[in-house]
């Protein structure tokens, strides 16, 4: 438990420093996305490649991935049923509700949590690739077909496939699967750049929290609350039941699956809601509150699972 406590202290301090930096105007909220882009396009891909390139292929195939995906799909079905019974929204709104209940923030929070709390990003990398390569294109196709709004679907899908995190993950997986050896003059610079990924991500995330306002009068509060509860409580609970009682995984795998299931809703879901002009305020509230609740919930679950 001591190691987990230190991990959460590191995450909390880094986020807090980012928030206070914005609060006292050392940086502005508008500068946060710049830091995030640097981490997204440079530091995080370097980290993923350098770690995966040194990882044996068998470590990347884990039942933890199945548990997280299965709990996501079960949670998606629950939101769909509740939506059909009580909310009766259109296809686009329902899709965004399902997505905001299940789609994990794999970059800003997922990567730091994997490094510090779980202590292994090999569970995280395949999940990241599945989300971006499989689930995200499906979500975008449904939104595009149901609204006929926003940018070109082909252009959006192309940018998704060429996402630097995906490119780095695929390259790292190829090196791992083929058993190749990357020369030190390539790998060590990647490791040096990758070392900056987690601190910058956490700092920029803290900056983004300053000045947030929630529950806009034009938002749909019942939809938001439903998605928040499903993402923050129900999905981790399903993951625990599957990992502990159905698959009977090792304690560390149970811990990894539950912590990954606790990750908050990805911030880019709000971007898609804005582009397609659907459930904008509801999705924004889900992103904010699941992000706010995720670390305390993870800490409590880590204490219980480590006891």
C-alpha atoms as a PDB file:
ATOM      1  CA  UNK A   1       0.000   0.000   0.000  1.00  0.00           C
ATOM      2  CA  UNK A   2       2.966   2.308   0.631  1.00  0.00           C
ATOM      3  CA  UNK A   3       3.948   2.247  -3.042  1.00  0.00           C
ATOM      4  CA  UNK A   4       0.388   3.030  -4.132  1.00  0.00           C
ATOM      5  CA  UNK A   5       0.256   5.934  -1.671  1.00  0.00           C
ATOM      6  CA  UNK A   6       3.473   7.356  -3.129  1.00  0.00           C
ATOM      7  CA  UNK A   7       2.078   6.932  -6.649  1.00  0.00           C
ATOM      8  CA  UNK A   8      -1.077   8.886  -5.842  1.00  0.00           C
ATOM      9  CA  UNK A   9       1.000  11.520  -4.051  1.00  0.00           C
ATOM     10  CA  UNK A  10       3.078  12.014  -7.209  1.00  0.00           C
ATOM     11  CA  UNK A  11      -0.037  12.292  -9.373  1.00  0.00           C
ATOM     12  CA  UNK A  12      -1.823  14.605  -6.930  1.00  0.00           C
ATOM     13  CA  UNK A  13       1.141  16.927  -6.481  1.00  0.00           C
ATOM     14  CA  UNK A  14       1.780  17.204 -10.228  1.00  0.00           C
ATOM     15  CA  UNK A  15      -1.893  17.985 -10.919  1.00  0.00           C
ATOM     16  CA  UNK A  16      -2.013  20.393  -7.982  1.00  0.00           C
ATOM     17  CA  UNK A  17       1.059  22.264  -9.186  1.00  0.00           C
ATOM     18  CA  UNK A  18      -0.565  22.641 -12.597  1.00  0.00           C
ATOM     19  CA  UNK A  19      -3.787  23.936 -11.050  1.00  0.00           C
ATOM     20  CA  UNK A  20      -1.966  26.397  -8.788  1.00  0.00           C
ATOM     21  CA  UNK A  21       0.181  27.576 -11.691  1.00  0.00           C
ATOM     22  CA  UNK A  22      -3.011  28.511 -13.533  1.00  0.00           C
ATOM     23  CA  UNK A  23      -4.590  29.925 -10.383  1.00  0.00           C
ATOM     24  CA  UNK A  24      -1.666  32.294  -9.816  1.00  0.00           C
ATOM     25  CA  UNK A  25      -1.269  32.995 -13.542  1.00  0.00           C
ATOM     26  CA  UNK A  26       2.168  31.476 -13.984  1.00  0.00           C
ATOM     27  CA  UNK A  27       0.521  29.866 -17.000  1.00  0.00           C
ATOM     28  CA  UNK A  28      -2.868  30.542 -18.534  1.00  0.00           C
ATOM     29  CA  UNK A  29      -5.611  27.998 -19.141  1.00  0.00           C
ATOM     30  CA  UNK A  30      -5.183  28.718 -22.851  1.00  0.00           C
ATOM     31  CA  UNK A  31      -1.572  27.511 -22.645  1.00  0.00           C
ATOM     32  CA  UNK A  32      -2.624  24.144 -21.215  1.00  0.00           C
ATOM     33  CA  UNK A  33      -3.582  22.667 -24.601  1.00  0.00           C
ATOM     34  CA  UNK A  34      -0.147  23.637 -25.962  1.00  0.00           C
ATOM     35  CA  UNK A  35       1.538  21.573 -23.252  1.00  0.00           C
ATOM     36  CA  UNK A  36      -0.898  18.767 -23.902  1.00  0.00           C
ATOM     37  CA  UNK A  37      -0.139  18.757 -27.644  1.00  0.00           C
ATOM     38  CA  UNK A  38       3.600  18.585 -26.978  1.00  0.00           C
ATOM     39  CA  UNK A  39       3.065  15.613 -24.667  1.00  0.00           C
ATOM     40  CA  UNK A  40       0.626  14.020 -27.129  1.00  0.00           C
ATOM     41  CA  UNK A  41       2.690  14.372 -30.302  1.00  0.00           C
ATOM     42  CA  UNK A  42       6.219  13.966 -28.903  1.00  0.00           C
ATOM     43  CA  UNK A  43       6.683  12.707 -25.355  1.00  0.00           C
ATOM     44  CA  UNK A  44       3.911  10.076 -25.068  1.00  0.00           C
ATOM     45  CA  UNK A  45       4.698   8.335 -28.388  1.00  0.00           C
ATOM     46  CA  UNK A  46       8.362   8.222 -27.376  1.00  0.00           C
ATOM     47  CA  UNK A  47       7.437   6.625 -24.039  1.00  0.00           C
ATOM     48  CA  UNK A  48       5.121   4.038 -25.591  1.00  0.00           C
ATOM     49  CA  UNK A  49       7.617   3.037 -28.263  1.00  0.00           C
ATOM     50  CA  UNK A  50      10.596   2.789 -25.921  1.00  0.00           C
ATOM     51  CA  UNK A  51       8.693   0.628 -23.413  1.00  0.00           C
ATOM     52  CA  UNK A  52       6.963  -1.648 -25.926  1.00  0.00           C
ATOM     53  CA  UNK A  53      10.147  -2.170 -27.928  1.00  0.00           C
ATOM     54  CA  UNK A  54      11.756  -3.692 -24.814  1.00  0.00           C
ATOM     55  CA  UNK A  55       8.725  -5.811 -23.870  1.00  0.00           C
ATOM     56  CA  UNK A  56       8.268  -9.446 -24.837  1.00  0.00           C
ATOM     57  CA  UNK A  57       5.184 -10.068 -26.967  1.00  0.00           C
ATOM     58  CA  UNK A  58       3.515 -12.496 -24.544  1.00  0.00           C
ATOM     59  CA  UNK A  59       3.289  -9.790 -21.873  1.00  0.00           C
ATOM     60  CA  UNK A  60       1.045  -7.709 -24.135  1.00  0.00           C
ATOM     61  CA  UNK A  61      -1.682 -10.357 -24.319  1.00  0.00           C
ATOM     62  CA  UNK A  62      -3.492 -10.323 -21.000  1.00  0.00           C
ATOM     63  CA  UNK A  63      -6.954 -11.191 -19.616  1.00  0.00           C
ATOM     64  CA  UNK A  64      -6.912  -7.693 -18.091  1.00  0.00           C
ATOM     65  CA  UNK A  65      -7.650  -6.324 -21.566  1.00  0.00           C
ATOM     66  CA  UNK A  66     -10.646  -8.651 -21.891  1.00  0.00           C
ATOM     67  CA  UNK A  67     -11.997  -7.576 -18.502  1.00  0.00           C
ATOM     68  CA  UNK A  68     -11.782  -3.857 -19.303  1.00  0.00           C
ATOM     69  CA  UNK A  69     -13.367  -4.259 -22.740  1.00  0.00           C
ATOM     70  CA  UNK A  70     -16.116  -6.551 -21.403  1.00  0.00           C
ATOM     71  CA  UNK A  71     -16.944  -4.149 -18.574  1.00  0.00           C
ATOM     72  CA  UNK A  72     -17.056  -1.279 -21.097  1.00  0.00           C
ATOM     73  CA  UNK A  73     -19.481  -3.165 -23.334  1.00  0.00           C
ATOM     74  CA  UNK A  74     -21.687  -4.159 -20.382  1.00  0.00           C
ATOM     75  CA  UNK A  75     -21.789  -0.544 -19.201  1.00  0.00           C
ATOM     76  CA  UNK A  76     -22.633   0.598 -22.727  1.00  0.00           C
ATOM     77  CA  UNK A  77     -25.598  -1.790 -22.802  1.00  0.00           C
ATOM     78  CA  UNK A  78     -26.802  -0.476 -19.443  1.00  0.00           C
ATOM     79  CA  UNK A  79     -26.723   3.144 -20.630  1.00  0.00           C
ATOM     80  CA  UNK A  80     -28.502   2.170 -23.855  1.00  0.00           C
ATOM     81  CA  UNK A  81     -31.294   0.424 -21.924  1.00  0.00           C
ATOM     82  CA  UNK A  82     -31.729   3.346 -19.504  1.00  0.00           C
ATOM     83  CA  UNK A  83     -31.680   5.790 -22.394  1.00  0.00           C
ATOM     84  CA  UNK A  84     -34.349   3.901 -24.317  1.00  0.00           C
ATOM     85  CA  UNK A  85     -36.577   3.622 -21.232  1.00  0.00           C
ATOM     86  CA  UNK A  86     -36.251   7.138 -19.817  1.00  0.00           C
ATOM     87  CA  UNK A  87     -34.404   9.589 -22.096  1.00  0.00           C
ATOM     88  CA  UNK A  88     -35.510   8.578 -25.616  1.00  0.00           C
ATOM     89  CA  UNK A  89     -32.763  10.491 -27.393  1.00  0.00           C
ATOM     90  CA  UNK A  90     -31.790  10.203 -31.059  1.00  0.00           C
ATOM     91  CA  UNK A  91     -28.987   8.040 -32.408  1.00  0.00           C
ATOM     92  CA  UNK A  92     -26.263  10.691 -32.104  1.00  0.00           C
ATOM     93  CA  UNK A  93     -27.224  11.696 -28.542  1.00  0.00           C
ATOM     94  CA  UNK A  94     -27.472   8.064 -27.439  1.00  0.00           C
ATOM     95  CA  UNK A  95     -24.106   7.281 -29.029  1.00  0.00           C
ATOM     96  CA  UNK A  96     -22.451  10.131 -27.155  1.00  0.00           C
ATOM     97  CA  UNK A  97     -24.135   9.048 -23.928  1.00  0.00           C
ATOM     98  CA  UNK A  98     -22.876   5.486 -24.366  1.00  0.00           C
ATOM     99  CA  UNK A  99     -19.416   6.753 -25.294  1.00  0.00           C
ATOM    100  CA  UNK A 100     -19.149   9.157 -22.367  1.00  0.00           C
ATOM    101  CA  UNK A 101     -20.117   6.276 -20.038  1.00  0.00           C
ATOM    102  CA  UNK A 102     -17.401   3.946 -21.305  1.00  0.00           C
ATOM    103  CA  UNK A 103     -14.619   5.574 -23.358  1.00  0.00           C
ATOM    104  CA  UNK A 104     -11.511   5.862 -21.192  1.00  0.00           C
ATOM    105  CA  UNK A 105      -9.150   8.800 -20.890  1.00  0.00           C
ATOM    106  CA  UNK A 106      -6.142   6.793 -21.990  1.00  0.00           C
ATOM    107  CA  UNK A 107      -3.694   9.649 -22.499  1.00  0.00           C
ATOM    108  CA  UNK A 108      -3.960  12.438 -19.916  1.00  0.00           C
ATOM    109  CA  UNK A 109      -4.722  10.152 -16.979  1.00  0.00           C
ATOM    110  CA  UNK A 110      -4.399   6.601 -18.304  1.00  0.00           C
ATOM    111  CA  UNK A 111      -0.702   6.794 -19.070  1.00  0.00           C
ATOM    112  CA  UNK A 112       0.328   8.343 -15.715  1.00  0.00           C
ATOM    113  CA  UNK A 113      -1.879   5.915 -13.763  1.00  0.00           C
ATOM    114  CA  UNK A 114      -0.395   2.966 -15.665  1.00  0.00           C
ATOM    115  CA  UNK A 115       3.134   4.130 -14.925  1.00  0.00           C
ATOM    116  CA  UNK A 116       2.750   5.094 -11.264  1.00  0.00           C
ATOM    117  CA  UNK A 117      -0.232   3.210  -9.822  1.00  0.00           C
ATOM    118  CA  UNK A 118      -0.280  -0.053 -11.802  1.00  0.00           C
ATOM    119  CA  UNK A 119       3.459   0.053 -12.443  1.00  0.00           C
ATOM    120  CA  UNK A 120       3.172  -1.471 -15.917  1.00  0.00           C
ATOM    121  CA  UNK A 121       2.010   0.113 -19.189  1.00  0.00           C
ATOM    122  CA  UNK A 122       1.804  -3.266 -20.939  1.00  0.00           C
ATOM    123  CA  UNK A 123      -1.835  -3.550 -19.850  1.00  0.00           C
ATOM    124  CA  UNK A 124      -2.475  -0.038 -21.078  1.00  0.00           C
ATOM    125  CA  UNK A 125      -0.938  -0.095 -24.581  1.00  0.00           C
ATOM    126  CA  UNK A 126      -3.261  -2.704 -26.197  1.00  0.00           C
ATOM    127  CA  UNK A 127      -6.268  -0.957 -24.636  1.00  0.00           C
ATOM    128  CA  UNK A 128      -5.150   2.354 -26.087  1.00  0.00           C
ATOM    129  CA  UNK A 129      -4.768   0.829 -29.533  1.00  0.00           C
ATOM    130  CA  UNK A 130      -8.171  -0.876 -29.420  1.00  0.00           C
ATOM    131  CA  UNK A 131      -9.902   2.331 -28.404  1.00  0.00           C
ATOM    132  CA  UNK A 132      -8.294   4.443 -31.102  1.00  0.00           C
ATOM    133  CA  UNK A 133      -8.163   1.931 -33.956  1.00  0.00           C
ATOM    134  CA  UNK A 134     -11.425  -0.005 -33.428  1.00  0.00           C
ATOM    135  CA  UNK A 135     -13.915   1.802 -31.188  1.00  0.00           C
ATOM    136  CA  UNK A 136     -13.277   5.430 -32.121  1.00  0.00           C
ATOM    137  CA  UNK A 137     -13.801   4.945 -35.888  1.00  0.00           C
ATOM    138  CA  UNK A 138     -17.101   3.153 -35.162  1.00  0.00           C
ATOM    139  CA  UNK A 139     -18.227   6.031 -32.941  1.00  0.00           C
ATOM    140  CA  UNK A 140     -17.309   8.610 -35.577  1.00  0.00           C
ATOM    141  CA  UNK A 141     -19.061   6.698 -38.364  1.00  0.00           C
ATOM    142  CA  UNK A 142     -22.288   6.529 -36.323  1.00  0.00           C
ATOM    143  CA  UNK A 143     -22.119  10.237 -35.451  1.00  0.00           C
ATOM    144  CA  UNK A 144     -21.390  11.236 -39.023  1.00  0.00           C
ATOM    145  CA  UNK A 145     -24.179   9.103 -40.486  1.00  0.00           C
ATOM    146  CA  UNK A 146     -26.731  10.208 -37.896  1.00  0.00           C
ATOM    147  CA  UNK A 147     -26.004  13.951 -38.074  1.00  0.00           C
ATOM    148  CA  UNK A 148     -24.278  14.620 -41.424  1.00  0.00           C
ATOM    149  CA  UNK A 149     -22.412  17.383 -39.625  1.00  0.00           C
ATOM    150  CA  UNK A 150     -18.809  18.165 -38.918  1.00  0.00           C
ATOM    151  CA  UNK A 151     -15.674  17.534 -40.913  1.00  0.00           C
ATOM    152  CA  UNK A 152     -15.132  14.898 -43.577  1.00  0.00           C
ATOM    153  CA  UNK A 153     -15.455  11.401 -42.171  1.00  0.00           C
ATOM    154  CA  UNK A 154     -12.574  10.115 -44.314  1.00  0.00           C
ATOM    155  CA  UNK A 155     -10.355  12.927 -43.076  1.00  0.00           C
ATOM    156  CA  UNK A 156     -11.329  12.224 -39.472  1.00  0.00           C
ATOM    157  CA  UNK A 157     -10.668   8.500 -39.788  1.00  0.00           C
ATOM    158  CA  UNK A 158      -7.328   9.145 -41.518  1.00  0.00           C
ATOM    159  CA  UNK A 159      -6.215  11.423 -38.698  1.00  0.00           C
ATOM    160  CA  UNK A 160      -7.302   8.770 -36.187  1.00  0.00           C
ATOM    161  CA  UNK A 161      -5.279   6.025 -37.866  1.00  0.00           C
ATOM    162  CA  UNK A 162      -2.258   8.336 -38.162  1.00  0.00           C
ATOM    163  CA  UNK A 163      -2.562   9.335 -34.506  1.00  0.00           C
ATOM    164  CA  UNK A 164       1.043   9.490 -33.181  1.00  0.00           C
ATOM    165  CA  UNK A 165       0.135   7.324 -30.193  1.00  0.00           C
ATOM    166  CA  UNK A 166      -1.153   4.630 -32.541  1.00  0.00           C
ATOM    167  CA  UNK A 167       1.862   4.872 -34.838  1.00  0.00           C
ATOM    168  CA  UNK A 168       4.259   4.599 -31.872  1.00  0.00           C
ATOM    169  CA  UNK A 169       2.276   1.704 -30.367  1.00  0.00           C
ATOM    170  CA  UNK A 170       2.187  -0.220 -33.652  1.00  0.00           C
ATOM    171  CA  UNK A 171       5.920   0.318 -34.243  1.00  0.00           C
ATOM    172  CA  UNK A 172       6.704  -0.802 -30.692  1.00  0.00           C
ATOM    173  CA  UNK A 173       4.499  -3.878 -31.099  1.00  0.00           C
ATOM    174  CA  UNK A 174       6.201  -4.781 -34.400  1.00  0.00           C
ATOM    175  CA  UNK A 175       9.621  -4.565 -32.762  1.00  0.00           C
ATOM    176  CA  UNK A 176       8.363  -6.696 -29.850  1.00  0.00           C
ATOM    177  CA  UNK A 177       6.633  -9.324 -31.985  1.00  0.00           C
ATOM    178  CA  UNK A 178       9.590  -9.717 -34.354  1.00  0.00           C
ATOM    179  CA  UNK A 179      12.103  -9.781 -31.526  1.00  0.00           C
ATOM    180  CA  UNK A 180      14.120  -6.956 -33.050  1.00  0.00           C
ATOM    181  CA  UNK A 181      16.803  -5.041 -31.187  1.00  0.00           C
ATOM    182  CA  UNK A 182      16.619  -1.258 -31.432  1.00  0.00           C
ATOM    183  CA  UNK A 183      20.056   0.416 -31.386  1.00  0.00           C
ATOM    184  CA  UNK A 184      20.831   2.449 -28.279  1.00  0.00           C
ATOM    185  CA  UNK A 185      21.357   5.629 -30.285  1.00  0.00           C
ATOM    186  CA  UNK A 186      17.663   5.417 -31.208  1.00  0.00           C
ATOM    187  CA  UNK A 187      16.189   3.886 -28.073  1.00  0.00           C
ATOM    188  CA  UNK A 188      17.908   6.031 -25.445  1.00  0.00           C
ATOM    189  CA  UNK A 189      16.789   9.384 -26.955  1.00  0.00           C
ATOM    190  CA  UNK A 190      13.259   7.936 -27.074  1.00  0.00           C
ATOM    191  CA  UNK A 191      13.506   7.007 -23.403  1.00  0.00           C
ATOM    192  CA  UNK A 192      14.759  10.493 -22.511  1.00  0.00           C
ATOM    193  CA  UNK A 193      11.879  12.178 -24.355  1.00  0.00           C
ATOM    194  CA  UNK A 194       9.411   9.664 -22.949  1.00  0.00           C
ATOM    195  CA  UNK A 195      10.455  10.484 -19.395  1.00  0.00           C
ATOM    196  CA  UNK A 196       8.865  13.924 -19.846  1.00  0.00           C
ATOM    197  CA  UNK A 197       5.468  12.536 -20.901  1.00  0.00           C
ATOM    198  CA  UNK A 198       3.874  11.811 -17.540  1.00  0.00           C
ATOM    199  CA  UNK A 199       4.897  15.017 -15.691  1.00  0.00           C
ATOM    200  CA  UNK A 200       3.801  17.225 -18.590  1.00  0.00           C
ATOM    201  CA  UNK A 201       0.480  15.391 -18.966  1.00  0.00           C
ATOM    202  CA  UNK A 202      -0.325  15.703 -15.274  1.00  0.00           C
ATOM    203  CA  UNK A 203       0.752  19.342 -15.112  1.00  0.00           C
ATOM    204  CA  UNK A 204      -1.340  20.315 -18.163  1.00  0.00           C
ATOM    205  CA  UNK A 205      -4.292  18.375 -16.762  1.00  0.00           C
ATOM    206  CA  UNK A 206      -4.062  20.413 -13.545  1.00  0.00           C
ATOM    207  CA  UNK A 207      -4.004  23.610 -15.590  1.00  0.00           C
ATOM    208  CA  UNK A 208      -7.175  22.534 -17.420  1.00  0.00           C
ATOM    209  CA  UNK A 209      -9.106  22.139 -14.142  1.00  0.00           C
ATOM    210  CA  UNK A 210      -8.874  25.822 -13.249  1.00  0.00           C
ATOM    211  CA  UNK A 211     -12.045  27.844 -13.903  1.00  0.00           C
ATOM    212  CA  UNK A 212     -14.275  24.905 -14.817  1.00  0.00           C
ATOM    213  CA  UNK A 213     -18.048  25.504 -14.637  1.00  0.00           C
ATOM    214  CA  UNK A 214     -20.537  22.659 -14.686  1.00  0.00           C
ATOM    215  CA  UNK A 215     -24.250  21.862 -15.045  1.00  0.00           C
ATOM    216  CA  UNK A 216     -25.054  24.541 -17.610  1.00  0.00           C
ATOM    217  CA  UNK A 217     -28.757  25.401 -17.770  1.00  0.00           C
ATOM    218  CA  UNK A 218     -28.913  24.019 -21.335  1.00  0.00           C
ATOM    219  CA  UNK A 219     -27.412  20.695 -20.299  1.00  0.00           C
ATOM    220  CA  UNK A 220     -29.298  17.476 -19.633  1.00  0.00           C
ATOM    221  CA  UNK A 221     -28.642  16.724 -15.980  1.00  0.00           C
ATOM    222  CA  UNK A 222     -30.312  13.262 -15.785  1.00  0.00           C
ATOM    223  CA  UNK A 223     -28.263  12.075 -18.766  1.00  0.00           C
ATOM    224  CA  UNK A 224     -25.062  13.469 -17.236  1.00  0.00           C
ATOM    225  CA  UNK A 225     -25.677  11.930 -13.815  1.00  0.00           C
ATOM    226  CA  UNK A 226     -26.508   8.549 -15.336  1.00  0.00           C
ATOM    227  CA  UNK A 227     -23.294   8.516 -17.371  1.00  0.00           C
ATOM    228  CA  UNK A 228     -21.229   9.723 -14.396  1.00  0.00           C
ATOM    229  CA  UNK A 229     -22.541   6.967 -12.109  1.00  0.00           C
ATOM    230  CA  UNK A 230     -22.096   4.285 -14.759  1.00  0.00           C
ATOM    231  CA  UNK A 231     -18.538   5.338 -15.589  1.00  0.00           C
ATOM    232  CA  UNK A 232     -17.323   6.066 -12.065  1.00  0.00           C
ATOM    233  CA  UNK A 233     -19.033   3.274 -10.096  1.00  0.00           C
ATOM    234  CA  UNK A 234     -20.748   0.646 -12.229  1.00  0.00           C
ATOM    235  CA  UNK A 235     -17.985  -0.026 -14.763  1.00  0.00           C
ATOM    236  CA  UNK A 236     -15.279  -0.595 -12.104  1.00  0.00           C
ATOM    237  CA  UNK A 237     -17.702  -2.835 -10.181  1.00  0.00           C
ATOM    238  CA  UNK A 238     -18.351  -4.963 -13.276  1.00  0.00           C
ATOM    239  CA  UNK A 239     -14.608  -5.166 -13.927  1.00  0.00           C
ATOM    240  CA  UNK A 240     -14.010  -6.366 -10.360  1.00  0.00           C
ATOM    241  CA  UNK A 241     -16.673  -9.070 -10.568  1.00  0.00           C
ATOM    242  CA  UNK A 242     -15.336 -10.332 -13.902  1.00  0.00           C
ATOM    243  CA  UNK A 243     -11.702 -10.298 -12.808  1.00  0.00           C
ATOM    244  CA  UNK A 244     -12.147 -11.671  -9.287  1.00  0.00           C
ATOM    245  CA  UNK A 245     -15.048 -14.132  -9.534  1.00  0.00           C
ATOM    246  CA  UNK A 246     -15.442 -15.053 -13.212  1.00  0.00           C
ATOM    247  CA  UNK A 247     -11.868 -15.250 -14.502  1.00  0.00           C
ATOM    248  CA  UNK A 248     -10.216 -15.553 -11.070  1.00  0.00           C
ATOM    249  CA  UNK A 249      -7.207 -13.485 -12.072  1.00  0.00           C
ATOM    250  CA  UNK A 250      -4.153 -12.880  -9.916  1.00  0.00           C
ATOM    251  CA  UNK A 251      -4.433 -10.067  -7.341  1.00  0.00           C
ATOM    252  CA  UNK A 252      -2.266  -7.743  -9.418  1.00  0.00           C
ATOM    253  CA  UNK A 253      -4.314  -8.396 -12.560  1.00  0.00           C
ATOM    254  CA  UNK A 254      -7.543  -7.747 -10.642  1.00  0.00           C
ATOM    255  CA  UNK A 255      -6.016  -4.526  -9.356  1.00  0.00           C
ATOM    256  CA  UNK A 256      -4.896  -3.462 -12.867  1.00  0.00           C
ATOM    257  CA  UNK A 257      -8.286  -4.235 -14.431  1.00  0.00           C
ATOM    258  CA  UNK A 258     -10.253  -2.319 -11.804  1.00  0.00           C
ATOM    259  CA  UNK A 259      -7.926   0.696 -11.864  1.00  0.00           C
ATOM    260  CA  UNK A 260      -8.078   0.888 -15.663  1.00  0.00           C
ATOM    261  CA  UNK A 261     -11.879   0.634 -15.532  1.00  0.00           C
ATOM    262  CA  UNK A 262     -11.845   3.605 -13.128  1.00  0.00           C
ATOM    263  CA  UNK A 263     -10.226   5.908 -15.678  1.00  0.00           C
ATOM    264  CA  UNK A 264     -12.453   8.933 -16.402  1.00  0.00           C
ATOM    265  CA  UNK A 265     -14.202   9.766 -19.642  1.00  0.00           C
ATOM    266  CA  UNK A 266     -11.797  10.916 -22.344  1.00  0.00           C
ATOM    267  CA  UNK A 267     -11.742  14.656 -22.944  1.00  0.00           C
ATOM    268  CA  UNK A 268     -11.863  14.217 -26.726  1.00  0.00           C
ATOM    269  CA  UNK A 269     -15.455  12.948 -26.414  1.00  0.00           C
ATOM    270  CA  UNK A 270     -16.399  16.535 -25.569  1.00  0.00           C
ATOM    271  CA  UNK A 271     -14.637  17.609 -28.768  1.00  0.00           C
ATOM    272  CA  UNK A 272     -16.775  15.226 -30.825  1.00  0.00           C
ATOM    273  CA  UNK A 273     -19.943  16.386 -29.068  1.00  0.00           C
ATOM    274  CA  UNK A 274     -19.001  19.967 -29.989  1.00  0.00           C
ATOM    275  CA  UNK A 275     -18.218  19.078 -33.613  1.00  0.00           C
ATOM    276  CA  UNK A 276     -21.498  17.225 -34.086  1.00  0.00           C
ATOM    277  CA  UNK A 277     -23.444  19.746 -31.948  1.00  0.00           C
ATOM    278  CA  UNK A 278     -25.062  17.057 -29.812  1.00  0.00           C
ATOM    279  CA  UNK A 279     -25.269  16.750 -25.988  1.00  0.00           C
ATOM    280  CA  UNK A 280     -22.431  19.268 -25.665  1.00  0.00           C
ATOM    281  CA  UNK A 281     -23.088  20.387 -22.079  1.00  0.00           C
ATOM    282  CA  UNK A 282     -24.073  16.925 -20.852  1.00  0.00           C
ATOM    283  CA  UNK A 283     -20.853  15.384 -22.168  1.00  0.00           C
ATOM    284  CA  UNK A 284     -18.780  18.241 -20.736  1.00  0.00           C
ATOM    285  CA  UNK A 285     -20.250  17.575 -17.285  1.00  0.00           C
ATOM    286  CA  UNK A 286     -19.527  13.845 -17.572  1.00  0.00           C
ATOM    287  CA  UNK A 287     -15.911  14.510 -18.526  1.00  0.00           C
ATOM    288  CA  UNK A 288     -15.462  16.942 -15.641  1.00  0.00           C
ATOM    289  CA  UNK A 289     -17.079  14.907 -12.870  1.00  0.00           C
ATOM    290  CA  UNK A 290     -15.656  11.518 -13.869  1.00  0.00           C
ATOM    291  CA  UNK A 291     -12.239  13.178 -13.947  1.00  0.00           C
ATOM    292  CA  UNK A 292     -12.849  14.803 -10.553  1.00  0.00           C
ATOM    293  CA  UNK A 293     -14.026  11.552  -8.976  1.00  0.00           C
ATOM    294  CA  UNK A 294     -11.590   9.126 -10.614  1.00  0.00           C
ATOM    295  CA  UNK A 295      -8.495   9.626  -8.471  1.00  0.00           C
ATOM    296  CA  UNK A 296     -10.319   9.479  -5.081  1.00  0.00           C
ATOM    297  CA  UNK A 297     -12.186   6.358  -6.223  1.00  0.00           C
ATOM    298  CA  UNK A 298      -8.945   4.778  -7.454  1.00  0.00           C
ATOM    299  CA  UNK A 299      -7.284   5.558  -4.141  1.00  0.00           C
ATOM    300  CA  UNK A 300     -10.105   3.943  -2.152  1.00  0.00           C
ATOM    301  CA  UNK A 301     -10.145   0.865  -4.387  1.00  0.00           C
ATOM    302  CA  UNK A 302      -6.347   0.615  -4.261  1.00  0.00           C
ATOM    303  CA  UNK A 303      -6.513   0.649  -0.453  1.00  0.00           C
ATOM    304  CA  UNK A 304      -9.202  -2.052  -0.436  1.00  0.00           C
ATOM    305  CA  UNK A 305      -7.537  -4.265  -3.034  1.00  0.00           C
ATOM    306  CA  UNK A 306      -4.102  -3.907  -1.445  1.00  0.00           C
ATOM    307  CA  UNK A 307      -5.354  -4.707   2.048  1.00  0.00           C
END
